[in-house]
Protein backbone atom coordinates (compact mmCIF):
# COMPACT_ATOMS: atom_id res chain seq x y z
CA MET A 1 125.46 -41.12 29.47
CA LYS A 2 122.97 -39.86 32.33
CA SER A 3 119.53 -39.51 31.66
CA TRP A 4 117.85 -35.99 33.09
CA ARG A 5 114.29 -37.35 33.23
CA GLY A 6 114.20 -37.21 37.03
CA PRO A 7 115.34 -34.08 37.50
CA ARG A 8 112.62 -32.43 34.83
CA VAL A 9 109.93 -34.53 37.25
CA VAL A 10 110.61 -32.84 40.29
CA PHE A 11 110.67 -29.54 38.96
CA GLY A 12 107.66 -30.55 36.83
CA LEU A 13 106.04 -30.71 39.95
CA VAL A 14 107.80 -28.14 41.96
CA LEU A 15 105.59 -25.96 39.52
CA ALA A 16 102.71 -27.43 39.86
CA THR A 17 102.55 -27.33 43.30
CA LEU A 18 103.50 -23.34 43.61
CA SER A 19 100.61 -22.66 40.68
CA LEU A 20 97.98 -24.75 43.26
CA ILE A 21 98.86 -22.70 46.41
CA TYR A 22 98.63 -19.20 44.54
CA PHE A 23 95.04 -20.60 43.03
CA VAL A 24 94.14 -21.46 46.19
CA THR A 25 95.13 -17.67 47.81
CA LEU A 26 93.07 -16.21 45.46
CA VAL A 27 89.93 -17.90 45.46
CA TRP A 28 89.97 -18.52 49.66
CA GLY A 29 92.31 -15.99 51.13
CA PRO A 30 91.64 -13.17 53.10
CA LYS A 31 89.30 -10.55 51.30
CA ASP A 32 90.35 -6.26 52.36
CA GLN A 33 88.76 -4.83 55.44
CA GLU A 34 85.50 -2.86 54.64
CA ASP A 35 86.43 1.36 55.32
CA PRO A 36 84.19 1.79 57.95
CA ALA A 37 84.74 5.80 56.80
CA ALA A 38 83.57 4.87 53.46
CA LYS A 39 80.35 3.13 54.08
CA ASN A 40 77.58 4.50 52.47
CA TYR A 41 73.77 3.68 53.60
CA LEU A 42 72.32 4.94 50.46
CA LYS A 43 71.67 0.98 49.71
CA ASP A 44 70.32 0.46 53.03
CA LEU A 45 67.74 3.14 52.53
CA GLY A 46 66.94 2.13 48.96
CA ASP A 47 68.83 5.05 47.28
CA GLN A 48 71.63 5.59 44.89
CA PRO A 49 73.59 8.53 45.00
CA LYS A 50 72.28 12.01 43.12
CA ALA A 51 75.19 14.95 43.02
CA GLU A 52 72.98 17.85 45.08
CA SER A 53 74.54 19.28 47.46
CA SER A 54 72.37 22.29 49.89
CA GLU A 55 73.16 25.17 50.52
CA ASP A 56 75.59 27.13 53.78
CA PRO A 57 73.77 25.52 56.97
CA GLY A 58 72.47 27.93 59.46
CA ASP A 59 73.38 27.48 63.17
CA ALA A 60 70.29 26.10 65.52
CA GLU A 61 69.80 25.82 69.53
CA ASP A 62 70.39 23.02 71.08
CA SER A 63 66.97 23.33 72.40
CA ASN A 64 65.34 22.30 69.44
CA GLU A 65 61.61 20.60 69.59
CA GLU A 66 62.28 17.21 68.15
CA VAL A 67 59.43 15.09 66.81
CA THR A 68 58.26 12.15 64.59
CA ALA A 69 56.01 11.60 61.92
CA PRO A 70 54.17 8.73 60.36
CA ALA A 71 56.28 7.13 57.83
CA GLN A 72 54.15 8.51 54.57
CA ALA A 73 52.26 11.81 54.46
CA PRO A 74 51.63 13.54 51.70
CA ILE A 75 52.76 17.17 50.97
CA GLY A 76 50.33 19.48 52.43
CA SER A 77 49.57 17.31 55.75
CA ARG A 78 49.32 18.61 59.00
CA HIS A 79 49.67 15.63 60.87
CA VAL A 80 51.98 15.80 63.08
CA SER A 81 53.54 13.98 66.23
CA LYS A 82 54.66 16.26 68.79
CA SER A 83 57.87 15.34 70.63
CA GLY A 84 57.77 15.06 75.01
CA SER A 85 60.15 15.30 77.01
CA GLY A 86 62.53 12.28 75.82
CA ALA A 87 64.23 12.38 71.86
CA GLN A 88 62.60 11.69 69.69
CA LEU A 89 63.67 9.31 66.27
CA ALA A 90 62.39 9.23 62.05
CA SER A 91 60.65 6.03 60.61
CA LEU A 92 64.27 4.32 59.74
CA ASN A 93 65.60 0.88 61.25
CA THR A 94 69.00 1.64 62.65
CA SER A 95 69.57 -1.03 65.23
CA GLY A 96 72.24 -2.69 63.56
CA LEU A 97 74.32 0.81 63.48
CA ARG A 98 77.13 2.20 65.67
CA PRO A 99 76.04 5.21 67.73
CA ASP A 100 78.79 7.32 65.73
CA GLU A 101 77.38 6.09 62.57
CA LEU A 102 74.10 7.91 63.09
CA HIS A 103 73.76 12.21 63.17
CA ASP A 104 71.52 14.50 64.14
CA ILE A 105 69.97 17.01 61.48
CA SER A 106 68.94 20.28 62.48
CA PHE A 107 66.81 23.05 61.14
CA VAL A 108 66.43 26.65 62.07
CA VAL A 109 63.34 28.41 59.95
CA ARG A 110 63.38 32.44 59.36
CA ASP A 111 60.93 34.62 57.26
CA ALA A 112 62.53 35.34 54.36
CA GLU A 113 62.20 39.42 54.56
CA THR A 114 62.18 40.09 58.20
CA ARG A 115 64.83 37.19 58.69
CA GLN A 116 63.16 36.56 62.15
CA PRO A 117 62.36 32.73 63.25
CA LEU A 118 59.03 31.03 62.24
CA PRO A 119 57.60 28.99 65.45
CA ASN A 120 54.96 25.98 64.56
CA VAL A 121 56.03 25.80 60.97
CA THR A 122 55.89 21.86 59.44
CA ILE A 123 59.50 20.71 58.01
CA HIS A 124 58.92 17.25 56.00
CA LEU A 125 61.89 14.92 55.57
CA ALA A 126 62.09 12.07 53.25
CA LYS A 127 64.55 10.34 51.38
CA ALA A 128 66.18 12.32 48.33
CA ALA A 129 65.38 9.16 45.90
CA GLY A 130 63.99 5.92 45.45
CA SER A 131 60.09 6.00 46.66
CA GLY A 132 60.46 9.04 48.27
CA ARG A 133 59.12 7.90 51.17
CA GLN A 134 58.82 10.57 54.12
CA ILE A 135 60.26 9.83 57.17
CA ALA A 136 59.75 12.34 59.67
CA GLU A 137 57.76 15.65 59.81
CA LEU A 138 58.56 17.68 62.72
CA ARG A 139 57.24 21.23 63.89
CA THR A 140 59.68 24.13 65.00
CA ASP A 141 59.87 25.33 68.23
CA ALA A 142 59.56 29.11 69.71
CA THR A 143 62.39 29.88 68.31
CA GLY A 144 62.07 28.49 64.72
CA ASN A 145 64.65 25.22 65.59
CA GLY A 146 63.65 21.83 65.16
CA ARG A 147 65.70 18.56 65.03
CA VAL A 148 65.69 14.92 64.16
CA ARG A 149 67.92 12.48 65.56
CA LYS A 150 69.83 9.19 64.58
CA LEU A 151 69.76 9.45 60.99
CA PRO A 152 72.17 7.16 58.78
CA HIS A 153 74.71 8.82 56.14
CA ALA A 154 72.25 9.10 53.01
CA GLN A 155 70.92 11.34 50.89
CA TYR A 156 67.57 13.50 51.81
CA ARG A 157 65.36 15.79 51.12
CA PHE A 158 63.23 18.45 53.29
CA TRP A 159 60.75 21.48 53.25
CA ALA A 160 58.82 23.50 54.64
CA GLU A 161 55.28 24.61 55.23
CA SER A 162 53.79 27.37 57.43
CA PRO A 163 49.96 28.99 57.13
CA GLY A 164 50.89 32.63 55.64
CA TYR A 165 53.65 31.25 53.86
CA ARG A 166 55.10 29.57 50.45
CA PRO A 167 56.28 26.31 50.51
CA THR A 168 59.51 26.08 50.23
CA GLU A 169 61.45 24.38 47.38
CA ALA A 170 62.20 20.68 48.20
CA ARG A 171 66.38 20.96 48.70
CA ALA A 172 68.35 17.42 49.00
CA ALA A 173 71.54 17.24 50.57
CA GLU A 174 73.82 14.25 51.89
CA LEU A 175 74.28 13.51 55.86
CA PRO A 176 76.75 14.61 57.32
CA LEU A 177 78.85 15.38 54.48
CA ASP A 178 76.69 18.81 53.30
CA GLY A 179 76.75 19.70 57.27
CA THR A 180 73.88 18.82 59.79
CA CYS A 181 72.22 22.41 60.13
CA PHE A 182 70.06 24.17 57.75
CA GLU A 183 68.87 27.61 57.40
CA LEU A 184 65.09 27.42 55.66
CA LEU A 185 63.55 31.02 54.51
CA MET A 186 60.00 31.11 54.14
CA GLU A 187 58.44 33.56 51.68
CA PRO A 188 54.91 35.47 52.72
CA ALA A 189 52.32 34.26 50.85
CA ALA A 190 48.76 35.59 50.17
CA GLN A 191 45.62 33.19 50.65
CA VAL A 192 41.71 33.35 49.69
CA VAL A 193 38.74 31.51 51.96
CA GLY A 194 35.44 31.61 51.76
CA VAL A 195 32.26 29.33 51.10
CA PHE A 196 30.18 28.97 48.32
CA GLU A 197 26.13 30.32 49.05
CA GLY A 198 23.17 30.86 46.79
CA LEU A 199 20.70 33.85 47.05
CA ASP A 200 19.07 31.79 49.57
CA GLY A 201 21.90 31.85 52.51
CA GLU A 202 22.46 28.00 51.33
CA THR A 203 25.63 27.25 50.86
CA ARG A 204 26.78 25.44 47.45
CA GLN A 205 28.73 23.14 45.85
CA LEU A 206 28.52 23.87 42.34
CA GLY A 207 31.60 25.00 39.60
CA LEU A 208 34.42 26.27 40.99
CA LEU A 209 36.53 29.67 41.04
CA HIS A 210 39.04 31.05 38.81
CA LEU A 211 42.40 32.60 39.86
CA SER A 212 44.79 33.97 37.55
CA ARG A 213 47.36 37.12 37.55
CA ALA A 214 48.06 39.40 34.43
CA GLY A 215 51.10 38.62 32.33
CA SER A 216 51.60 35.47 34.00
CA PRO A 217 50.48 32.27 32.47
CA GLU A 218 49.92 30.95 36.10
CA VAL A 219 45.81 29.66 36.44
CA ILE A 220 44.76 28.40 39.70
CA TRP A 221 41.26 26.41 39.83
CA ILE A 222 39.73 26.01 43.22
CA ARG A 223 36.62 23.39 43.88
CA PRO A 224 34.63 23.30 46.62
CA ASP A 225 34.23 20.61 49.18
CA ALA A 226 30.75 19.19 50.23
CA GLN A 227 30.04 21.68 52.74
CA GLY A 228 31.16 24.27 49.76
CA ARG A 229 33.97 25.46 51.42
CA PHE A 230 37.40 26.40 49.29
CA ALA A 231 40.50 27.23 50.80
CA SER A 232 43.56 28.71 48.21
CA PRO A 233 47.20 27.23 48.23
CA ALA A 234 49.88 30.20 48.86
CA LEU A 235 49.68 32.67 46.48
CA GLU A 236 51.98 35.78 45.99
CA GLY A 237 50.73 38.62 47.12
CA GLY A 238 49.24 41.61 44.77
CA ALA A 239 47.05 41.78 42.40
CA TRP A 240 44.64 38.88 40.86
CA LYS A 241 41.75 37.83 39.14
CA LEU A 242 39.23 35.99 40.57
CA ALA A 243 36.22 34.64 38.30
CA TRP A 244 33.70 31.96 39.72
CA MET A 245 32.89 29.24 36.61
CA PRO A 246 30.10 26.63 36.72
CA HIS A 247 32.93 24.56 34.82
CA SER A 248 36.21 24.59 33.51
CA ARG A 249 35.22 25.53 29.72
CA ALA A 250 32.72 27.87 30.76
CA GLN A 251 32.80 31.36 31.31
CA PRO A 252 32.23 33.87 33.65
CA ALA A 253 28.80 34.18 34.83
CA PRO A 254 27.82 37.49 34.89
CA GLY A 255 28.84 39.37 38.20
CA MET A 256 30.84 36.81 38.96
CA LYS A 257 34.21 38.13 38.29
CA THR A 258 36.46 40.45 40.33
CA GLU A 259 39.53 42.04 40.68
CA LEU A 260 41.59 41.81 44.07
CA ASP A 261 44.78 43.18 45.99
CA LEU A 262 45.47 40.09 48.12
CA PRO A 263 47.64 41.11 50.97
CA THR A 264 51.16 38.58 51.33
CA GLY A 265 51.03 37.32 54.79
CA GLU A 266 47.16 37.52 55.54
CA ARG A 267 44.17 35.09 54.23
CA THR A 268 41.25 37.22 52.83
CA LEU A 269 37.83 35.85 53.42
CA LEU A 270 35.66 36.05 50.46
CA GLU A 271 31.76 35.84 50.27
CA VAL A 272 31.05 34.12 46.82
CA VAL A 273 27.38 34.62 45.99
CA LEU A 274 26.12 31.99 43.10
CA PRO A 275 22.86 32.86 40.89
CA GLU A 276 21.43 30.11 42.39
CA GLY A 277 17.99 30.01 44.83
CA ALA A 278 15.76 32.04 45.37
CA ALA A 279 16.60 35.70 46.96
CA ASP A 280 15.86 35.91 50.75
CA PRO A 281 14.54 39.81 50.94
CA ARG A 282 16.25 40.32 54.39
CA HIS A 283 20.25 39.82 53.50
CA ARG A 284 19.63 41.03 49.99
CA ARG A 285 22.44 39.74 48.92
CA THR A 286 23.22 39.82 44.99
CA PRO A 287 25.86 37.51 42.90
CA GLY A 288 29.05 38.39 43.05
CA ILE A 289 33.11 37.93 44.75
CA ARG A 290 33.91 39.93 47.32
CA PRO A 291 35.83 40.24 50.43
CA ALA A 292 33.46 39.40 53.32
CA VAL A 293 34.15 42.38 55.34
CA ALA A 294 33.14 44.45 52.37
CA ALA A 295 29.60 42.23 52.07
CA LEU A 296 28.92 43.25 56.11
CA GLN A 297 29.29 46.91 56.07
């Protein structure tokens, strides 16, 4: 009777060889090619995706002013690097990206009431997540337009500031999926500025100015600088209560409070005379808070 051991050994060797080839193919075989269209640069910028999108963009002119700003600047900074004749870039290293992987982002800024374009508005551009590092700061041109060039696909935040207007809320958008051109509407604002002075006419840096509105929980404290000068943030126009106090827990000193109707889009210059120092009879100064123009009449 013939033995079947030989065919069984051959079959086992063939099966083992096929298993080894399959294992080697899984481990060292070619990997799928990355789809360039699905490439995401959020990781390159240190960000994670966020489920935020922008509003419908507006149209911008091709003759936008293009500028670059320092890598880090706080909200409210007025330092702006103006553009020259060439294109300006944001502070991102994009040397490893192809031209078709970079996009321009454009802005048009308008007055929310009149819809007129606003020149010389400061626009801030930052990463949408992560450290929130600002990557560009630009000013709009005479037509209210501005542009930052050659940005990678990522999510960004942007907001605008301008004297006489309230800062816009920061908006987030993924470039270029949410668009490449965005409209920002700025609400006209009021502001109070002035100097703390004593009865002798010398500047003071004592105490602080308290601002409040009837029927609103909003309270603003304003401290003077080393020269006694002060300036409020952008305020809503209308009736405000103002009071000078020695410190935040004190009550207003006699005569050191008033109510003013602040016009939107304007700065109101105040004279704040503190009950400090010897009175100068030549100027007839009395303690109080009043518009500077009224004080001169």
